Amino acid sequence: MILKILLLSSVILLSGCTLFREPVKQIETVKVEVSKPALNLPNPEPLVLRDTNWIVVTRENAEQIFEELEAQGQPIALFALTADGYEALSINIADIKTYLGTQKELIIQYRDYYEGENNAKSGQEK
């Protein structure tokens, strides 16, 4: 008898209050498709670059270049590149152009991804 009482009391203790409450309702999940927002990105304005004048100064024409700069009221200041430095500058500019082209292509692909789907849907509805 004591064994039955211990068994019954242990079952009641282990089950707790679950015997006296209503069952838990099942949670229903629903997937809702949300359309992507339009990017509305304007195309960037084309670059307007400033003119750059390059003057090649050698030992033979250095005095003449200095005189011309003084006559024009320009300060005598030279920014010089070696042949290797000029080549590195040219390669850097080419790398920048390549990088910008890659970024432009990425932007076009993003625009096609976001806005192309909307255009395709509107074309199907007609």
N, C-alpha and C. Protein backbone atom coordinates (compact mmCIF):
# COMPACT_ATOMS: atom_id res chain seq x y z
N MET A 1 0.81 -1.17 0.00
CA MET A 1 0.00 0.00 0.00
C MET A 1 0.87 1.26 0.00
N ILE A 2 1.88 1.27 0.81
CA ILE A 2 2.79 2.40 0.87
C ILE A 2 3.48 2.57 -0.48
N LEU A 3 3.79 1.48 -1.11
CA LEU A 3 4.42 1.53 -2.42
C LEU A 3 3.51 2.19 -3.45
N LYS A 4 2.22 1.88 -3.39
CA LYS A 4 1.25 2.47 -4.31
C LYS A 4 1.12 3.97 -4.04
N ILE A 5 1.10 4.36 -2.78
CA ILE A 5 0.98 5.78 -2.44
C ILE A 5 2.23 6.53 -2.89
N LEU A 6 3.40 5.96 -2.69
CA LEU A 6 4.65 6.59 -3.14
C LEU A 6 4.69 6.70 -4.66
N LEU A 7 4.25 5.66 -5.34
CA LEU A 7 4.22 5.68 -6.80
C LEU A 7 3.24 6.73 -7.31
N LEU A 8 2.07 6.80 -6.73
CA LEU A 8 1.06 7.77 -7.14
C LEU A 8 1.52 9.20 -6.82
N SER A 9 2.09 9.41 -5.65
CA SER A 9 2.56 10.76 -5.31
C SER A 9 3.75 11.19 -6.18
N SER A 10 4.64 10.27 -6.55
CA SER A 10 5.76 10.62 -7.44
C SER A 10 5.26 10.96 -8.83
N VAL A 11 4.23 10.27 -9.31
CA VAL A 11 3.65 10.59 -10.63
C VAL A 11 3.04 11.98 -10.60
N ILE A 12 2.32 12.30 -9.52
CA ILE A 12 1.70 13.62 -9.40
C ILE A 12 2.77 14.70 -9.29
N LEU A 13 3.82 14.45 -8.54
CA LEU A 13 4.89 15.44 -8.41
C LEU A 13 5.64 15.65 -9.72
N LEU A 14 5.87 14.57 -10.45
CA LEU A 14 6.59 14.69 -11.71
C LEU A 14 5.76 15.37 -12.80
N SER A 15 4.48 15.10 -12.81
CA SER A 15 3.65 15.70 -13.84
C SER A 15 3.27 17.13 -13.48
N GLY A 16 3.39 17.51 -12.25
CA GLY A 16 3.13 18.87 -11.81
C GLY A 16 1.68 19.25 -12.04
N CYS A 17 1.49 20.44 -12.53
CA CYS A 17 0.14 20.95 -12.72
C CYS A 17 -0.39 20.67 -14.12
N THR A 18 0.33 19.89 -14.91
CA THR A 18 -0.11 19.66 -16.29
C THR A 18 -1.41 18.89 -16.37
N LEU A 19 -1.75 18.20 -15.35
CA LEU A 19 -3.00 17.45 -15.37
C LEU A 19 -4.21 18.37 -15.25
N PHE A 20 -4.02 19.54 -14.67
CA PHE A 20 -5.15 20.40 -14.36
C PHE A 20 -5.28 21.62 -15.27
N ARG A 21 -4.53 21.71 -16.33
CA ARG A 21 -4.65 22.87 -17.22
C ARG A 21 -5.00 22.41 -18.62
N GLU A 22 -5.41 23.36 -19.45
CA GLU A 22 -5.79 23.01 -20.82
C GLU A 22 -4.53 22.83 -21.67
N PRO A 23 -4.61 22.05 -22.71
CA PRO A 23 -3.41 21.78 -23.52
C PRO A 23 -2.92 23.04 -24.24
N VAL A 24 -1.63 23.06 -24.53
CA VAL A 24 -1.00 24.19 -25.22
C VAL A 24 -1.44 24.17 -26.68
N LYS A 25 -1.82 25.33 -27.18
CA LYS A 25 -2.25 25.43 -28.58
C LYS A 25 -1.03 25.40 -29.48
N GLN A 26 -1.17 24.79 -30.62
CA GLN A 26 -0.11 24.70 -31.60
C GLN A 26 0.09 26.07 -32.26
N ILE A 27 1.33 26.50 -32.40
CA ILE A 27 1.63 27.77 -33.05
C ILE A 27 1.66 27.55 -34.55
N GLU A 28 0.95 28.40 -35.24
CA GLU A 28 0.89 28.28 -36.69
C GLU A 28 1.81 29.33 -37.31
N THR A 29 2.72 28.90 -38.15
CA THR A 29 3.62 29.82 -38.84
C THR A 29 3.18 29.95 -40.29
N VAL A 30 3.23 31.17 -40.77
CA VAL A 30 2.80 31.45 -42.13
C VAL A 30 3.92 32.24 -42.82
N LYS A 31 4.28 31.81 -44.03
CA LYS A 31 5.26 32.55 -44.81
C LYS A 31 4.54 33.58 -45.66
N VAL A 32 5.02 34.81 -45.58
CA VAL A 32 4.44 35.89 -46.36
C VAL A 32 5.53 36.44 -47.26
N GLU A 33 5.29 36.46 -48.56
CA GLU A 33 6.28 36.99 -49.50
C GLU A 33 6.20 38.51 -49.49
N VAL A 34 7.34 39.12 -49.25
CA VAL A 34 7.43 40.58 -49.22
C VAL A 34 8.23 41.00 -50.45
N SER A 35 7.67 41.92 -51.21
CA SER A 35 8.37 42.35 -52.42
C SER A 35 9.55 43.24 -52.03
N LYS A 36 10.57 43.19 -52.88
CA LYS A 36 11.78 43.99 -52.63
C LYS A 36 11.48 45.45 -52.91
N PRO A 37 11.99 46.35 -52.09
CA PRO A 37 11.77 47.77 -52.37
C PRO A 37 12.61 48.20 -53.57
N ALA A 38 12.09 49.15 -54.31
CA ALA A 38 12.84 49.68 -55.46
C ALA A 38 14.05 50.46 -54.96
N LEU A 39 15.14 50.34 -55.69
CA LEU A 39 16.37 51.02 -55.27
C LEU A 39 16.30 52.53 -55.48
N ASN A 40 15.72 52.96 -56.58
CA ASN A 40 15.62 54.38 -56.90
C ASN A 40 16.97 55.09 -56.84
N LEU A 41 17.97 54.45 -57.41
CA LEU A 41 19.31 55.06 -57.45
C LEU A 41 19.49 55.80 -58.77
N PRO A 42 19.77 57.08 -58.71
CA PRO A 42 20.04 57.78 -59.96
C PRO A 42 21.43 57.42 -60.48
N ASN A 43 21.58 57.49 -61.78
CA ASN A 43 22.91 57.26 -62.35
C ASN A 43 23.81 58.42 -61.94
N PRO A 44 25.05 58.13 -61.60
CA PRO A 44 25.95 59.23 -61.21
C PRO A 44 26.26 60.13 -62.42
N GLU A 45 26.51 61.37 -62.10
CA GLU A 45 26.87 62.32 -63.15
C GLU A 45 28.25 61.95 -63.70
N PRO A 46 28.45 62.14 -64.99
CA PRO A 46 29.78 61.84 -65.53
C PRO A 46 30.83 62.80 -64.95
N LEU A 47 32.04 62.30 -64.86
CA LEU A 47 33.12 63.11 -64.32
C LEU A 47 33.49 64.24 -65.26
N VAL A 48 33.74 65.38 -64.69
CA VAL A 48 34.28 66.50 -65.45
C VAL A 48 35.67 66.72 -64.90
N LEU A 49 36.65 66.27 -65.65
CA LEU A 49 38.04 66.36 -65.19
C LEU A 49 38.66 67.68 -65.60
N ARG A 50 39.59 68.13 -64.81
CA ARG A 50 40.30 69.38 -65.09
C ARG A 50 41.50 69.09 -65.97
N ASP A 51 41.85 70.06 -66.78
CA ASP A 51 43.02 69.90 -67.65
C ASP A 51 44.29 69.86 -66.81
N THR A 52 45.18 69.00 -67.21
CA THR A 52 46.49 68.90 -66.57
C THR A 52 47.55 69.15 -67.62
N ASN A 53 48.46 70.04 -67.33
CA ASN A 53 49.55 70.34 -68.26
C ASN A 53 50.81 69.67 -67.76
N TRP A 54 51.39 68.87 -68.60
CA TRP A 54 52.64 68.20 -68.27
C TRP A 54 53.76 68.92 -68.98
N ILE A 55 54.80 69.22 -68.26
CA ILE A 55 55.99 69.84 -68.83
C ILE A 55 57.15 68.89 -68.57
N VAL A 56 57.80 68.49 -69.62
CA VAL A 56 58.95 67.60 -69.48
C VAL A 56 60.19 68.49 -69.36
N VAL A 57 60.87 68.36 -68.24
CA VAL A 57 62.05 69.17 -67.98
C VAL A 57 63.27 68.26 -68.08
N THR A 58 64.17 68.67 -68.93
CA THR A 58 65.44 67.94 -69.08
C THR A 58 66.58 68.90 -68.75
N ARG A 59 67.80 68.41 -68.78
CA ARG A 59 68.95 69.29 -68.52
C ARG A 59 69.06 70.37 -69.60
N GLU A 60 68.67 69.98 -70.82
CA GLU A 60 68.82 70.92 -71.93
C GLU A 60 67.80 72.05 -71.87
N ASN A 61 66.58 71.79 -71.40
CA ASN A 61 65.55 72.84 -71.47
C ASN A 61 65.16 73.39 -70.10
N ALA A 62 65.87 73.06 -69.05
CA ALA A 62 65.49 73.48 -67.70
C ALA A 62 65.49 75.00 -67.56
N GLU A 63 66.53 75.67 -68.05
CA GLU A 63 66.59 77.14 -67.95
C GLU A 63 65.44 77.79 -68.71
N GLN A 64 65.16 77.29 -69.88
CA GLN A 64 64.07 77.85 -70.70
C GLN A 64 62.73 77.68 -69.98
N ILE A 65 62.48 76.52 -69.39
CA ILE A 65 61.22 76.26 -68.67
C ILE A 65 61.11 77.19 -67.47
N PHE A 66 62.21 77.39 -66.74
CA PHE A 66 62.18 78.28 -65.58
C PHE A 66 61.86 79.71 -66.01
N GLU A 67 62.44 80.16 -67.10
CA GLU A 67 62.19 81.52 -67.59
C GLU A 67 60.73 81.68 -68.00
N GLU A 68 60.18 80.68 -68.69
CA GLU A 68 58.78 80.75 -69.11
C GLU A 68 57.84 80.79 -67.91
N LEU A 69 58.14 80.00 -66.89
CA LEU A 69 57.30 80.01 -65.70
C LEU A 69 57.37 81.35 -64.98
N GLU A 70 58.56 81.93 -64.89
CA GLU A 70 58.70 83.24 -64.26
C GLU A 70 57.97 84.30 -65.06
N ALA A 71 58.03 84.23 -66.39
CA ALA A 71 57.35 85.22 -67.24
C ALA A 71 55.83 85.13 -67.07
N GLN A 72 55.32 83.94 -66.80
CA GLN A 72 53.87 83.75 -66.61
C GLN A 72 53.44 84.04 -65.17
N GLY A 73 54.40 84.36 -64.33
CA GLY A 73 54.08 84.64 -62.93
C GLY A 73 53.82 83.39 -62.11
N GLN A 74 54.24 82.27 -62.61
CA GLN A 74 54.05 81.00 -61.91
C GLN A 74 55.22 80.77 -60.95
N PRO A 75 54.95 80.18 -59.81
CA PRO A 75 56.08 79.86 -58.92
C PRO A 75 56.90 78.72 -59.50
N ILE A 76 58.17 78.76 -59.21
CA ILE A 76 59.06 77.72 -59.70
C ILE A 76 59.01 76.57 -58.69
N ALA A 77 58.23 75.60 -59.03
CA ALA A 77 58.12 74.40 -58.19
C ALA A 77 57.90 73.23 -59.14
N LEU A 78 58.70 72.22 -59.00
CA LEU A 78 58.59 71.07 -59.89
C LEU A 78 58.20 69.84 -59.08
N PHE A 79 57.30 69.09 -59.65
CA PHE A 79 56.92 67.80 -59.08
C PHE A 79 57.40 66.78 -60.10
N ALA A 80 58.37 66.02 -59.73
CA ALA A 80 59.05 65.17 -60.69
C ALA A 80 58.75 63.70 -60.45
N LEU A 81 58.77 62.96 -61.55
CA LEU A 81 58.66 61.50 -61.51
C LEU A 81 59.81 60.92 -62.31
N THR A 82 60.31 59.84 -61.85
CA THR A 82 61.27 59.11 -62.67
C THR A 82 60.47 58.34 -63.72
N ALA A 83 61.17 57.74 -64.66
CA ALA A 83 60.49 56.95 -65.69
C ALA A 83 59.73 55.79 -65.04
N ASP A 84 60.35 55.16 -64.05
CA ASP A 84 59.68 54.06 -63.35
C ASP A 84 58.48 54.57 -62.55
N GLY A 85 58.61 55.74 -61.94
CA GLY A 85 57.50 56.33 -61.20
C GLY A 85 56.34 56.68 -62.10
N TYR A 86 56.64 57.20 -63.30
CA TYR A 86 55.59 57.53 -64.26
C TYR A 86 54.89 56.26 -64.73
N GLU A 87 55.65 55.20 -64.93
CA GLU A 87 55.05 53.93 -65.34
C GLU A 87 54.14 53.38 -64.23
N ALA A 88 54.58 53.50 -62.99
CA ALA A 88 53.76 53.04 -61.86
C ALA A 88 52.47 53.86 -61.76
N LEU A 89 52.58 55.17 -61.98
CA LEU A 89 51.41 56.04 -61.96
C LEU A 89 50.42 55.63 -63.06
N SER A 90 50.93 55.35 -64.24
CA SER A 90 50.07 54.93 -65.35
C SER A 90 49.37 53.60 -65.04
N ILE A 91 50.10 52.67 -64.46
CA ILE A 91 49.50 51.37 -64.10
C ILE A 91 48.45 51.55 -63.01
N ASN A 92 48.73 52.43 -62.05
CA ASN A 92 47.75 52.69 -60.99
C ASN A 92 46.46 53.27 -61.56
N ILE A 93 46.58 54.21 -62.49
CA ILE A 93 45.40 54.80 -63.11
C ILE A 93 44.62 53.74 -63.90
N ALA A 94 45.34 52.86 -64.60
CA ALA A 94 44.67 51.78 -65.33
C ALA A 94 43.96 50.84 -64.35
N ASP A 95 44.58 50.55 -63.20
CA ASP A 95 43.94 49.71 -62.19
C ASP A 95 42.68 50.37 -61.63
N ILE A 96 42.73 51.68 -61.43
CA ILE A 96 41.56 52.41 -60.94
C ILE A 96 40.43 52.33 -61.96
N LYS A 97 40.76 52.50 -63.24
CA LYS A 97 39.73 52.40 -64.29
C LYS A 97 39.10 51.01 -64.31
N THR A 98 39.92 49.98 -64.17
CA THR A 98 39.40 48.61 -64.13
C THR A 98 38.50 48.40 -62.93
N TYR A 99 38.92 48.89 -61.78
CA TYR A 99 38.13 48.75 -60.56
C TYR A 99 36.79 49.47 -60.69
N LEU A 100 36.82 50.68 -61.22
CA LEU A 100 35.57 51.43 -61.41
C LEU A 100 34.64 50.72 -62.39
N GLY A 101 35.20 50.12 -63.43
CA GLY A 101 34.38 49.36 -64.37
C GLY A 101 33.72 48.16 -63.70
N THR A 102 34.46 47.50 -62.82
CA THR A 102 33.91 46.36 -62.08
C THR A 102 32.79 46.82 -61.16
N GLN A 103 33.00 47.93 -60.46
CA GLN A 103 31.97 48.45 -59.56
C GLN A 103 30.72 48.86 -60.34
N LYS A 104 30.91 49.46 -61.51
CA LYS A 104 29.78 49.85 -62.33
C LYS A 104 28.98 48.63 -62.76
N GLU A 105 29.67 47.56 -63.12
CA GLU A 105 28.98 46.32 -63.51
C GLU A 105 28.21 45.73 -62.34
N LEU A 106 28.77 45.79 -61.14
CA LEU A 106 28.06 45.30 -59.95
C LEU A 106 26.78 46.10 -59.71
N ILE A 107 26.87 47.40 -59.86
CA ILE A 107 25.69 48.25 -59.66
C ILE A 107 24.62 47.91 -60.69
N ILE A 108 25.02 47.69 -61.94
CA ILE A 108 24.06 47.31 -62.98
C ILE A 108 23.40 45.99 -62.65
N GLN A 109 24.17 45.03 -62.16
CA GLN A 109 23.61 43.73 -61.80
C GLN A 109 22.65 43.85 -60.62
N TYR A 110 22.99 44.66 -59.62
CA TYR A 110 22.06 44.87 -58.50
C TYR A 110 20.77 45.52 -59.00
N ARG A 111 20.89 46.52 -59.85
CA ARG A 111 19.70 47.20 -60.38
C ARG A 111 18.85 46.23 -61.18
N ASP A 112 19.49 45.40 -62.00
CA ASP A 112 18.72 44.40 -62.76
C ASP A 112 18.04 43.41 -61.83
N TYR A 113 18.72 43.04 -60.77
CA TYR A 113 18.15 42.07 -59.83
C TYR A 113 16.91 42.64 -59.14
N TYR A 114 17.01 43.87 -58.65
CA TYR A 114 15.90 44.47 -57.92
C TYR A 114 14.81 44.99 -58.84
N GLU A 115 15.18 45.70 -59.87
CA GLU A 115 14.18 46.35 -60.71
C GLU A 115 13.77 45.48 -61.89
N GLY A 116 14.63 44.59 -62.34
CA GLY A 116 14.30 43.73 -63.46
C GLY A 116 13.16 42.79 -63.13
N GLU A 117 13.11 42.31 -61.88
CA GLU A 117 12.04 41.41 -61.47
C GLU A 117 10.71 42.15 -61.46
N ASN A 118 10.70 43.39 -61.01
CA ASN A 118 9.47 44.19 -61.01
C ASN A 118 8.99 44.44 -62.43
N ASN A 119 9.92 44.72 -63.34
CA ASN A 119 9.53 44.94 -64.73
C ASN A 119 8.98 43.67 -65.36
N ALA A 120 9.55 42.52 -65.00
CA ALA A 120 9.07 41.25 -65.54
C ALA A 120 7.67 40.95 -65.03
N LYS A 121 7.40 41.23 -63.74
CA LYS A 121 6.07 41.00 -63.18
C LYS A 121 5.04 41.90 -63.83
N SER A 122 5.38 43.17 -64.02
CA SER A 122 4.41 44.09 -64.63
C SER A 122 4.16 43.73 -66.08
N GLY A 123 5.15 43.16 -66.76
CA GLY A 123 4.96 42.73 -68.15
C GLY A 123 4.06 41.51 -68.24
N GLN A 124 4.09 40.63 -67.24
CA GLN A 124 3.23 39.45 -67.23
C GLN A 124 1.79 39.81 -66.93
N GLU A 125 1.55 40.86 -66.16
CA GLU A 125 0.19 41.23 -65.78
C GLU A 125 -0.56 41.83 -66.94
N LYS A 126 0.12 42.37 -67.93
CA LYS A 126 -0.55 43.04 -69.05
C LYS A 126 -1.15 42.08 -70.00
